[in-house]
Amino acid sequence: MKSDLKEFGETSLVTRLERNQNDLLKMKSTLSSYTCEPRTPSLFERYESLKHKLENLSNTNGEIIQSLKVHKKSVSKYVERAKEQFKECYQLQKGVEDYVTGARNH
């Protein structure tokens, strides 16, 4: 994420967060695929951890979107939270990719 979020208006920040939400839904769908079912205790633990993180991140993302859309909160209050959301989403995506690779190889 190279650009400074402080330059973003409410609409563009909400749009980025909505894209982030769509990415989270795609990751959840990928994890739910039968080809990614955990086959070992270790994979099961990773699967549960990723699922939990996805749920938490999705909920937080949705809360920020709602606050910006419905409650018309100031964008500046959410810039740091949004940056953290994007960072966590990226890290989670890497974790899901690693898990999927491991699950499909077992």
C-alpha atoms as a PDB file:
ATOM      1  CA  MET A   1       0.000   0.000   0.000  1.00  0.00           C
ATOM      2  CA  LYS A   2       2.082   2.827  -1.312  1.00  0.00           C
ATOM      3  CA  SER A   3      -0.371   5.734  -1.336  1.00  0.00           C
ATOM      4  CA  ASP A   4      -1.121   7.759   1.745  1.00  0.00           C
ATOM      5  CA  LEU A   5      -4.647   7.088   2.994  1.00  0.00           C
ATOM      6  CA  LYS A   6      -4.936  10.615   4.343  1.00  0.00           C
ATOM      7  CA  GLU A   7      -5.413  11.748   0.755  1.00  0.00           C
ATOM      8  CA  PHE A   8      -8.409   9.447   0.387  1.00  0.00           C
ATOM      9  CA  GLY A   9     -11.901  10.757   0.719  1.00  0.00           C
ATOM     10  CA  GLU A  10     -14.690   8.836   2.365  1.00  0.00           C
ATOM     11  CA  THR A  11     -15.850   7.265  -0.892  1.00  0.00           C
ATOM     12  CA  SER A  12     -12.464   5.953  -1.947  1.00  0.00           C
ATOM     13  CA  LEU A  13     -11.689   4.630   1.536  1.00  0.00           C
ATOM     14  CA  VAL A  14     -15.027   2.825   1.646  1.00  0.00           C
ATOM     15  CA  THR A  15     -14.354   1.444  -1.842  1.00  0.00           C
ATOM     16  CA  ARG A  16     -10.962   0.096  -0.763  1.00  0.00           C
ATOM     17  CA  LEU A  17     -12.490  -1.445   2.351  1.00  0.00           C
ATOM     18  CA  GLU A  18     -15.266  -3.039   0.273  1.00  0.00           C
ATOM     19  CA  ARG A  19     -12.666  -4.547  -2.064  1.00  0.00           C
ATOM     20  CA  ASN A  20     -10.865  -5.788   1.018  1.00  0.00           C
ATOM     21  CA  GLN A  21     -14.139  -7.345   2.198  1.00  0.00           C
ATOM     22  CA  ASN A  22     -14.574  -9.086  -1.170  1.00  0.00           C
ATOM     23  CA  ASP A  23     -11.050 -10.477  -0.888  1.00  0.00           C
ATOM     24  CA  LEU A  24     -11.887 -11.811   2.570  1.00  0.00           C
ATOM     25  CA  LEU A  25     -15.005 -13.522   1.207  1.00  0.00           C
ATOM     26  CA  LYS A  26     -12.947 -15.125  -1.577  1.00  0.00           C
ATOM     27  CA  MET A  27     -10.427 -16.395   0.978  1.00  0.00           C
ATOM     28  CA  LYS A  28     -13.256 -17.824   3.083  1.00  0.00           C
ATOM     29  CA  SER A  29     -14.669 -19.547   0.014  1.00  0.00           C
ATOM     30  CA  THR A  30     -11.240 -20.965  -0.843  1.00  0.00           C
ATOM     31  CA  LEU A  31     -10.816 -22.331   2.673  1.00  0.00           C
ATOM     32  CA  SER A  32     -14.279 -23.907   2.499  1.00  0.00           C
ATOM     33  CA  SER A  33     -13.399 -25.827  -0.649  1.00  0.00           C
ATOM     34  CA  TYR A  34     -13.319 -29.598  -0.247  1.00  0.00           C
ATOM     35  CA  THR A  35      -9.814 -29.617  -1.727  1.00  0.00           C
ATOM     36  CA  CYS A  36      -8.619 -27.625   1.276  1.00  0.00           C
ATOM     37  CA  GLU A  37     -10.045 -29.819   4.009  1.00  0.00           C
ATOM     38  CA  PRO A  38      -7.471 -30.384   6.741  1.00  0.00           C
ATOM     39  CA  ARG A  39      -6.085 -33.911   6.716  1.00  0.00           C
ATOM     40  CA  THR A  40      -3.721 -33.695   9.673  1.00  0.00           C
ATOM     41  CA  PRO A  41      -4.028 -32.251  13.188  1.00  0.00           C
ATOM     42  CA  SER A  42      -1.526 -29.553  12.283  1.00  0.00           C
ATOM     43  CA  LEU A  43      -3.513 -28.524   9.195  1.00  0.00           C
ATOM     44  CA  PHE A  44      -6.709 -28.555  11.247  1.00  0.00           C
ATOM     45  CA  GLU A  45      -5.191 -26.122  13.758  1.00  0.00           C
ATOM     46  CA  ARG A  46      -3.996 -23.830  10.973  1.00  0.00           C
ATOM     47  CA  TYR A  47      -7.397 -24.065   9.283  1.00  0.00           C
ATOM     48  CA  GLU A  48      -9.256 -23.106  12.466  1.00  0.00           C
ATOM     49  CA  SER A  49      -6.856 -20.259  13.171  1.00  0.00           C
ATOM     50  CA  LEU A  50      -7.226 -18.848   9.651  1.00  0.00           C
ATOM     51  CA  LYS A  51     -10.998 -19.212   9.792  1.00  0.00           C
ATOM     52  CA  HIS A  52     -11.095 -17.339  13.100  1.00  0.00           C
ATOM     53  CA  LYS A  53      -8.840 -14.561  11.788  1.00  0.00           C
ATOM     54  CA  LEU A  54     -10.960 -14.258   8.638  1.00  0.00           C
ATOM     55  CA  GLU A  55     -14.127 -13.871  10.705  1.00  0.00           C
ATOM     56  CA  ASN A  56     -12.586 -11.242  12.983  1.00  0.00           C
ATOM     57  CA  LEU A  57     -11.078  -9.263  10.124  1.00  0.00           C
ATOM     58  CA  SER A  58     -14.310  -9.403   8.144  1.00  0.00           C
ATOM     59  CA  ASN A  59     -16.339  -8.200  11.137  1.00  0.00           C
ATOM     60  CA  THR A  60     -13.968  -5.318  11.843  1.00  0.00           C
ATOM     61  CA  ASN A  61     -13.894  -4.381   8.172  1.00  0.00           C
ATOM     62  CA  GLY A  62     -17.689  -4.352   8.078  1.00  0.00           C
ATOM     63  CA  GLU A  63     -17.853  -2.189  11.208  1.00  0.00           C
ATOM     64  CA  ILE A  64     -15.533   0.407   9.675  1.00  0.00           C
ATOM     65  CA  ILE A  65     -17.525   0.431   6.423  1.00  0.00           C
ATOM     66  CA  GLN A  66     -20.788   0.847   8.337  1.00  0.00           C
ATOM     67  CA  SER A  67     -19.353   3.640  10.462  1.00  0.00           C
ATOM     68  CA  LEU A  68     -18.196   5.528   7.398  1.00  0.00           C
ATOM     69  CA  LYS A  69     -21.365   4.941   5.355  1.00  0.00           C
ATOM     70  CA  VAL A  70     -24.210   5.002   7.824  1.00  0.00           C
ATOM     71  CA  HIS A  71     -22.950   7.089  10.692  1.00  0.00           C
ATOM     72  CA  LYS A  72     -21.057   9.497   8.459  1.00  0.00           C
ATOM     73  CA  LYS A  73     -18.002   9.392  10.687  1.00  0.00           C
ATOM     74  CA  SER A  74     -14.928  11.400   9.800  1.00  0.00           C
ATOM     75  CA  VAL A  75     -12.509   9.549   7.513  1.00  0.00           C
ATOM     76  CA  SER A  76      -9.529  10.783   9.502  1.00  0.00           C
ATOM     77  CA  LYS A  77     -10.693   8.764  12.516  1.00  0.00           C
ATOM     78  CA  TYR A  78     -10.475   5.568  10.502  1.00  0.00           C
ATOM     79  CA  VAL A  79      -7.327   6.039   8.440  1.00  0.00           C
ATOM     80  CA  GLU A  80      -5.043   4.171  10.857  1.00  0.00           C
ATOM     81  CA  ARG A  81      -7.590   1.396  11.395  1.00  0.00           C
ATOM     82  CA  ALA A  82      -7.978   1.036   7.640  1.00  0.00           C
ATOM     83  CA  LYS A  83      -4.202   0.827   7.158  1.00  0.00           C
ATOM     84  CA  GLU A  84      -4.087  -1.911   9.790  1.00  0.00           C
ATOM     85  CA  GLN A  85      -6.972  -3.733   8.072  1.00  0.00           C
ATOM     86  CA  PHE A  86      -5.154  -3.707   4.735  1.00  0.00           C
ATOM     87  CA  LYS A  87      -1.951  -4.960   6.347  1.00  0.00           C
ATOM     88  CA  GLU A  88      -3.740  -7.750   8.224  1.00  0.00           C
ATOM     89  CA  CYS A  89      -5.649  -8.756   5.095  1.00  0.00           C
ATOM     90  CA  TYR A  90      -2.411  -9.042   3.142  1.00  0.00           C
ATOM     91  CA  GLN A  91      -0.827 -11.171   5.881  1.00  0.00           C
ATOM     92  CA  LEU A  92      -3.916 -13.341   6.100  1.00  0.00           C
ATOM     93  CA  GLN A  93      -3.925 -13.817   2.346  1.00  0.00           C
ATOM     94  CA  LYS A  94      -0.356 -15.109   2.515  1.00  0.00           C
ATOM     95  CA  GLY A  95      -1.356 -17.448   5.351  1.00  0.00           C
ATOM     96  CA  VAL A  96      -4.305 -18.792   3.369  1.00  0.00           C
ATOM     97  CA  GLU A  97      -2.120 -19.319   0.301  1.00  0.00           C
ATOM     98  CA  ASP A  98       0.432 -21.237   2.386  1.00  0.00           C
ATOM     99  CA  TYR A  99      -2.306 -23.322   4.000  1.00  0.00           C
ATOM    100  CA  VAL A 100      -3.949 -24.135   0.653  1.00  0.00           C
ATOM    101  CA  THR A 101      -0.625 -25.247  -0.782  1.00  0.00           C
ATOM    102  CA  GLY A 102       0.025 -27.454   2.247  1.00  0.00           C
ATOM    103  CA  ALA A 103      -3.509 -28.884   2.324  1.00  0.00           C
ATOM    104  CA  ARG A 104      -3.469 -29.792  -1.364  1.00  0.00           C
ATOM    105  CA  ASN A 105      -0.081 -31.480  -1.057  1.00  0.00           C
ATOM    106  CA  HIS A 106      -1.180 -33.832   1.730  1.00  0.00           C
END
